[in-house]
């Protein structure tokens, strides 16, 4: 049985500014995430029919990652129509101020699922200055949900409530998938779509599903920032070598050695460089070491076990009901 600790601390953060005021409130253009490379296809509805079915059948022996099974842009990028309510394509989202991300749990996750999610959060807390904190009254926050629609997230802070969907068990088979979707929510794109990727990989377009060819479009150099970090075959944001294959043959071949692409065990060293650079971790967190890694600390402290995460599950911020059973259902208030 999972025993959850309820703490008596809540957080109130000032994140309620509208996205069209980003440049005024955050102070620099660096806080803006450019989405101009995408078409209106990034907007849509969760796909419970096709994507939900294939992710439901996913196993570790599938040869690809579960987020590569989606019908969404690049497999797992989705801005839900009901969330945005916009008549046109938003060209920008934003970073999370000071790396602080308020969250709620509204999915139906069992104990094993919660262990994977907790470990993903712990990795951020141990190794970066990103802090996931229970939402109290913040306007902008992420909601972790478990719809039968695969693994998906928007990119960056969109304003208001935004969902990160982790269908169970497929999307919670490995901790890296949860880390991957949270990376999207923080503002990161897929590694193999970098503008210079052709220097590092060869995309085998003849092996790609016709409907998924657009998933391999390259970003423009003008719309993306690499923070001076070289291309990373080992990134948790890189597709596997057979992603979206129509015939079982490779869709991506490394040009430099026998690279292991598509790992979902956790952050690569270069992933951490990018996160800590985007969010100025060396500047913003006194606990960050020179290599950009937060030293491990005793449980309950900044780099240790995220007791705040567990406290939220006890219904601290929003009075959510928790069952001390195998299934933790946060949809029932």
Protein backbone atom coordinates (compact mmCIF):
# COMPACT_ATOMS: atom_id res chain seq x y z
CA UNK A 1 0.00 0.00 0.00
CA UNK A 2 1.16 3.46 -0.76
CA UNK A 3 1.08 5.67 2.34
CA UNK A 4 1.08 9.33 1.41
CA UNK A 5 2.33 12.08 3.62
CA UNK A 6 0.18 15.21 3.84
CA UNK A 7 2.17 18.32 4.64
CA UNK A 8 0.77 21.61 5.77
CA UNK A 9 2.69 23.84 3.39
CA UNK A 10 1.15 25.37 0.27
CA UNK A 11 2.71 27.56 -2.36
CA UNK A 12 1.51 30.77 -3.97
CA UNK A 13 3.44 31.88 -7.02
CA UNK A 14 2.85 34.79 -9.38
CA UNK A 15 2.55 33.10 -12.78
CA UNK A 16 -0.76 34.52 -13.93
CA UNK A 17 0.38 36.90 -16.65
CA UNK A 18 -0.97 36.33 -20.16
CA UNK A 19 1.43 35.03 -22.79
CA UNK A 20 1.16 38.13 -24.92
CA UNK A 21 2.82 39.96 -22.03
CA UNK A 22 5.81 37.59 -21.90
CA UNK A 23 8.40 40.08 -23.01
CA UNK A 24 7.19 42.58 -20.44
CA UNK A 25 6.97 40.26 -17.45
CA UNK A 26 9.93 37.97 -18.00
CA UNK A 27 12.23 40.69 -19.17
CA UNK A 28 14.10 39.05 -22.07
CA UNK A 29 13.36 37.54 -25.44
CA UNK A 30 15.19 34.40 -24.25
CA UNK A 31 12.10 33.42 -22.28
CA UNK A 32 10.05 33.07 -25.46
CA UNK A 33 9.81 29.69 -27.23
CA UNK A 34 9.42 30.04 -30.99
CA UNK A 35 6.81 27.69 -32.53
CA UNK A 36 6.73 29.29 -35.96
CA UNK A 37 8.06 26.11 -37.60
CA UNK A 38 4.78 24.31 -36.84
CA UNK A 39 1.49 24.42 -38.71
CA UNK A 40 -1.98 24.37 -37.20
CA UNK A 41 -1.68 20.58 -36.98
CA UNK A 42 -0.21 20.95 -33.50
CA UNK A 43 -3.75 21.79 -32.36
CA UNK A 44 -6.17 18.93 -31.97
CA UNK A 45 -7.92 16.52 -29.68
CA UNK A 46 -6.54 13.50 -27.85
CA UNK A 47 -6.69 10.41 -30.08
CA UNK A 48 -8.32 7.67 -28.04
CA UNK A 49 -9.19 5.53 -31.04
CA UNK A 50 -5.92 4.79 -32.83
CA UNK A 51 -3.14 6.08 -30.58
CA UNK A 52 -4.81 4.85 -27.41
CA UNK A 53 -5.11 1.35 -28.83
CA UNK A 54 -1.51 0.97 -30.00
CA UNK A 55 -0.07 2.43 -26.78
CA UNK A 56 -2.31 0.09 -24.81
CA UNK A 57 -0.61 -2.81 -26.60
CA UNK A 58 2.91 -1.40 -26.16
CA UNK A 59 5.65 -3.52 -24.56
CA UNK A 60 9.36 -2.90 -24.11
CA UNK A 61 9.93 -5.39 -26.94
CA UNK A 62 8.06 -3.15 -29.41
CA UNK A 63 11.34 -1.77 -30.76
CA UNK A 64 10.27 1.87 -30.44
CA UNK A 65 9.27 4.23 -27.66
CA UNK A 66 5.58 4.67 -26.75
CA UNK A 67 5.63 8.40 -27.56
CA UNK A 68 6.62 7.44 -31.12
CA UNK A 69 3.30 5.67 -31.61
CA UNK A 70 1.10 8.75 -31.53
CA UNK A 71 -0.85 10.27 -34.40
CA UNK A 72 0.14 13.76 -33.23
CA UNK A 73 2.76 16.10 -34.66
CA UNK A 74 6.14 14.37 -34.24
CA UNK A 75 4.24 11.65 -32.37
CA UNK A 76 3.62 13.41 -29.07
CA UNK A 77 3.24 17.19 -29.49
CA UNK A 78 -0.35 18.30 -28.92
CA UNK A 79 -1.97 21.59 -28.02
CA UNK A 80 -5.52 20.60 -27.14
CA UNK A 81 -8.25 22.61 -28.85
CA UNK A 82 -10.33 22.84 -25.72
CA UNK A 83 -7.30 24.19 -23.85
CA UNK A 84 -6.24 26.89 -26.27
CA UNK A 85 -9.53 28.21 -27.61
CA UNK A 86 -7.63 30.21 -30.22
CA UNK A 87 -8.65 31.05 -33.76
CA UNK A 88 -5.10 31.11 -35.07
CA UNK A 89 -1.80 29.37 -34.52
CA UNK A 90 0.14 30.63 -31.55
CA UNK A 91 3.68 31.35 -32.67
CA UNK A 92 5.12 31.51 -29.18
CA UNK A 93 4.91 29.96 -25.76
CA UNK A 94 7.14 30.69 -22.79
CA UNK A 95 9.49 29.23 -20.26
CA UNK A 96 8.42 28.75 -16.66
CA UNK A 97 9.55 31.70 -14.53
CA UNK A 98 12.52 30.74 -12.36
CA UNK A 99 12.07 27.09 -13.39
CA UNK A 100 9.11 26.68 -11.03
CA UNK A 101 6.32 24.50 -12.43
CA UNK A 102 3.07 24.24 -10.45
CA UNK A 103 1.30 20.93 -11.08
CA UNK A 104 -1.74 18.86 -10.20
CA UNK A 105 -2.38 15.14 -10.51
CA UNK A 106 -5.69 14.40 -12.22
CA UNK A 107 -4.98 10.99 -13.72
CA UNK A 108 -5.84 7.52 -12.58
CA UNK A 109 -2.39 6.18 -11.73
CA UNK A 110 -1.61 3.04 -9.74
CA UNK A 111 1.24 2.75 -7.26
CA UNK A 112 3.79 1.66 -9.85
CA UNK A 113 2.82 4.55 -12.14
CA UNK A 114 3.23 6.99 -9.28
CA UNK A 115 6.67 5.55 -8.55
CA UNK A 116 7.77 6.23 -12.13
CA UNK A 117 6.36 9.78 -12.09
CA UNK A 118 7.97 10.46 -8.73
CA UNK A 119 11.33 9.21 -9.99
CA UNK A 120 11.07 11.49 -13.03
CA UNK A 121 10.40 14.48 -10.76
CA UNK A 122 13.27 13.43 -8.48
CA UNK A 123 15.64 13.41 -11.45
CA UNK A 124 14.74 17.02 -12.22
CA UNK A 125 15.10 18.00 -8.58
CA UNK A 126 18.44 16.21 -8.17
CA UNK A 127 20.11 17.35 -11.35
CA UNK A 128 18.57 20.68 -12.37
CA UNK A 129 17.09 23.79 -10.78
CA UNK A 130 13.62 22.92 -12.14
CA UNK A 131 11.15 22.58 -9.27
CA UNK A 132 7.73 20.95 -9.62
CA UNK A 133 5.56 22.28 -6.81
CA UNK A 134 1.95 21.51 -5.86
CA UNK A 135 -0.42 24.08 -7.34
CA UNK A 136 -2.31 26.26 -4.93
CA UNK A 137 -3.88 29.14 -6.88
CA UNK A 138 -1.50 29.69 -9.82
CA UNK A 139 -3.10 30.41 -13.18
CA UNK A 140 -0.42 28.61 -15.22
CA UNK A 141 0.19 24.97 -14.30
CA UNK A 142 0.48 21.46 -15.70
CA UNK A 143 -2.01 18.70 -15.07
CA UNK A 144 -0.71 15.13 -15.21
CA UNK A 145 -3.47 13.01 -16.74
CA UNK A 146 -3.78 9.40 -17.91
CA UNK A 147 -6.23 9.47 -20.81
CA UNK A 148 -6.31 6.54 -23.21
CA UNK A 149 -4.67 8.69 -25.88
CA UNK A 150 -0.95 7.96 -25.64
CA UNK A 151 1.94 10.10 -24.48
CA UNK A 152 1.77 13.80 -25.32
CA UNK A 153 2.36 17.35 -24.18
CA UNK A 154 2.38 20.90 -25.47
CA UNK A 155 5.72 22.67 -25.81
CA UNK A 156 6.53 25.29 -23.20
CA UNK A 157 4.21 27.20 -20.89
CA UNK A 158 1.03 27.84 -22.84
CA UNK A 159 -0.88 29.82 -20.22
CA UNK A 160 -3.55 28.42 -17.91
CA UNK A 161 -4.06 24.71 -17.37
CA UNK A 162 -2.11 22.48 -19.74
CA UNK A 163 -2.15 18.70 -19.79
CA UNK A 164 0.71 16.23 -19.91
CA UNK A 165 -0.82 12.88 -20.79
CA UNK A 166 0.84 9.65 -19.65
CA UNK A 167 -1.32 6.69 -20.62
CA UNK A 168 -0.80 3.80 -18.25
CA UNK A 169 0.98 1.48 -18.47
CA UNK A 170 2.59 2.21 -21.86
CA UNK A 171 3.86 5.74 -21.22
CA UNK A 172 5.05 4.79 -17.75
CA UNK A 173 7.06 1.73 -18.70
CA UNK A 174 10.30 3.69 -18.31
CA UNK A 175 11.11 6.83 -16.35
CA UNK A 176 12.62 8.41 -19.47
CA UNK A 177 9.24 8.73 -21.18
CA UNK A 178 7.88 10.79 -18.28
CA UNK A 179 11.07 12.89 -18.33
CA UNK A 180 10.66 13.30 -22.12
CA UNK A 181 7.10 14.64 -21.91
CA UNK A 182 8.02 16.99 -19.06
CA UNK A 183 10.92 18.24 -21.20
CA UNK A 184 8.36 19.21 -23.85
CA UNK A 185 6.33 21.04 -21.21
CA UNK A 186 9.48 22.92 -20.22
CA UNK A 187 10.01 24.03 -23.81
CA UNK A 188 12.26 21.44 -25.49
CA UNK A 189 11.81 19.89 -28.93
CA UNK A 190 12.98 16.58 -30.40
CA UNK A 191 16.71 16.15 -30.93
CA UNK A 192 16.55 14.57 -34.38
CA UNK A 193 14.63 17.58 -35.72
CA UNK A 194 17.54 19.95 -35.09
CA UNK A 195 18.47 22.04 -38.12
CA UNK A 196 21.96 20.47 -38.38
CA UNK A 197 20.82 16.87 -37.90
CA UNK A 198 21.87 15.78 -41.42
CA UNK A 199 25.48 16.09 -40.29
CA UNK A 200 24.82 13.42 -37.67
CA UNK A 201 22.05 11.14 -38.95
CA UNK A 202 20.65 9.97 -42.24
CA UNK A 203 16.86 9.81 -42.36
CA UNK A 204 15.63 6.86 -44.42
CA UNK A 205 12.49 8.42 -45.85
CA UNK A 206 11.68 5.32 -47.89
CA UNK A 207 11.10 3.42 -44.64
CA UNK A 208 8.84 5.99 -42.97
CA UNK A 209 5.07 5.63 -42.76
CA UNK A 210 3.63 8.01 -45.39
CA UNK A 211 1.49 9.77 -42.78
CA UNK A 212 4.54 10.36 -40.56
CA UNK A 213 7.00 11.87 -43.04
CA UNK A 214 6.34 15.35 -41.63
CA UNK A 215 7.52 14.16 -38.22
CA UNK A 216 11.06 14.27 -39.58
CA UNK A 217 10.99 17.87 -40.78
CA UNK A 218 14.01 19.86 -39.69
CA UNK A 219 13.62 22.99 -37.60
CA UNK A 220 15.07 26.21 -38.93
CA UNK A 221 18.22 27.55 -37.36
CA UNK A 222 16.43 30.84 -36.72
CA UNK A 223 13.63 29.29 -34.67
CA UNK A 224 15.64 27.06 -32.36
CA UNK A 225 18.37 27.51 -29.77
CA UNK A 226 20.87 24.74 -29.03
CA UNK A 227 22.55 26.59 -26.12
CA UNK A 228 25.92 25.63 -27.57
CA UNK A 229 25.31 21.95 -26.82
CA UNK A 230 26.39 19.58 -29.63
CA UNK A 231 24.02 17.09 -31.27
CA UNK A 232 23.20 14.29 -28.84
CA UNK A 233 22.49 10.75 -30.02
CA UNK A 234 21.92 9.75 -26.40
CA UNK A 235 19.36 12.46 -25.62
CA UNK A 236 16.14 11.43 -23.93
CA UNK A 237 14.53 13.62 -26.61
CA UNK A 238 15.92 11.61 -29.57
CA UNK A 239 13.76 9.21 -31.59
CA UNK A 240 14.71 5.55 -31.68
CA UNK A 241 16.27 4.23 -34.87
CA UNK A 242 13.04 2.62 -36.08
CA UNK A 243 10.59 5.37 -35.14
CA UNK A 244 7.55 5.48 -37.46
CA UNK A 245 8.89 2.65 -39.64
CA UNK A 246 6.47 1.24 -42.18
CA UNK A 247 8.45 -1.95 -42.83
CA UNK A 248 10.48 -2.66 -39.69
CA UNK A 249 13.62 -1.19 -41.20
CA UNK A 250 15.55 1.75 -39.69
CA UNK A 251 14.25 5.25 -40.26
CA UNK A 252 17.29 6.97 -38.72
CA UNK A 253 20.89 5.85 -39.15
CA UNK A 254 23.74 7.45 -37.23
CA UNK A 255 26.50 8.86 -39.40
CA UNK A 256 29.08 8.70 -36.63
CA UNK A 257 29.72 5.27 -35.14
CA UNK A 258 27.23 2.85 -33.61
CA UNK A 259 25.21 5.36 -31.65
CA UNK A 260 22.48 4.25 -29.26
CA UNK A 261 19.52 6.42 -30.21
CA UNK A 262 16.20 6.62 -28.40
CA UNK A 263 17.20 5.63 -24.87
CA UNK A 264 14.59 6.31 -22.18
CA UNK A 265 16.56 5.51 -19.05
CA UNK A 266 16.96 9.15 -18.09
CA UNK A 267 18.76 12.39 -18.87
CA UNK A 268 21.95 12.35 -20.89
CA UNK A 269 24.74 14.69 -19.75
CA UNK A 270 23.95 16.95 -22.70
CA UNK A 271 20.24 16.99 -21.83
CA UNK A 272 21.22 18.38 -18.43
CA UNK A 273 23.44 20.99 -20.05
CA UNK A 274 20.49 22.19 -22.13
CA UNK A 275 18.00 22.26 -19.26
CA UNK A 276 20.42 24.04 -16.98
CA UNK A 277 21.34 26.51 -19.72
CA UNK A 278 17.75 27.29 -20.75
CA UNK A 279 16.76 27.93 -17.16
CA UNK A 280 20.02 29.59 -16.06
CA UNK A 281 20.47 27.02 -13.33
CA UNK A 282 24.06 27.93 -12.53
CA UNK A 283 22.92 31.49 -11.94
CA UNK A 284 19.56 30.89 -10.27
CA UNK A 285 20.41 28.06 -7.87
CA UNK A 286 23.13 28.27 -5.27
CA UNK A 287 22.91 24.48 -4.92
CA UNK A 288 24.02 23.85 -8.51
CA UNK A 289 27.58 22.60 -8.82
CA UNK A 290 29.97 23.76 -11.53
CA UNK A 291 28.95 20.89 -13.80
CA UNK A 292 25.31 21.97 -13.66
CA UNK A 293 24.18 19.13 -11.38
CA UNK A 294 22.36 19.63 -8.11
CA UNK A 295 24.16 17.63 -5.40
CA UNK A 296 21.99 15.00 -3.70
CA UNK A 297 20.61 16.12 -0.38
CA UNK A 298 18.69 14.54 2.49
CA UNK A 299 15.05 13.71 1.85
CA UNK A 300 12.77 16.71 1.82
CA UNK A 301 15.50 19.18 0.83
CA UNK A 302 15.98 20.89 -2.50
CA UNK A 303 17.84 18.11 -4.25
CA UNK A 304 16.33 15.15 -2.47
CA UNK A 305 13.07 13.22 -2.39
CA UNK A 306 10.21 15.48 -3.53
CA UNK A 307 8.02 15.28 -0.45
CA UNK A 308 6.03 18.17 -1.92
CA UNK A 309 5.07 15.87 -4.76
CA UNK A 310 3.80 13.25 -2.34
CA UNK A 311 2.05 15.86 -0.23
CA UNK A 312 -0.01 16.98 -3.18
CA UNK A 313 -1.21 13.44 -3.66
CA UNK A 314 -2.68 13.67 -0.20
CA UNK A 315 -4.95 16.41 -1.47
CA UNK A 316 -3.13 19.33 0.12
CA UNK A 317 -3.70 21.98 -2.52
CA UNK A 318 -7.02 21.05 -4.06
CA UNK A 319 -8.71 18.61 -1.74
CA UNK A 320 -8.32 15.76 -4.16
CA UNK A 321 -9.40 12.37 -2.81
CA UNK A 322 -6.80 9.63 -2.55
CA UNK A 323 -7.58 5.94 -2.09
CA UNK A 324 -5.08 3.95 -0.03
CA UNK A 325 -5.44 1.15 -2.53
CA UNK A 326 -3.62 -0.11 -5.61
CA UNK A 327 -5.23 2.58 -7.78
CA UNK A 328 -4.84 6.29 -7.02
CA UNK A 329 -7.74 8.03 -8.76
CA UNK A 330 -7.46 11.82 -8.80
CA UNK A 331 -10.35 12.33 -11.17
CA UNK A 332 -12.75 11.86 -8.28
CA UNK A 333 -13.02 14.90 -6.10
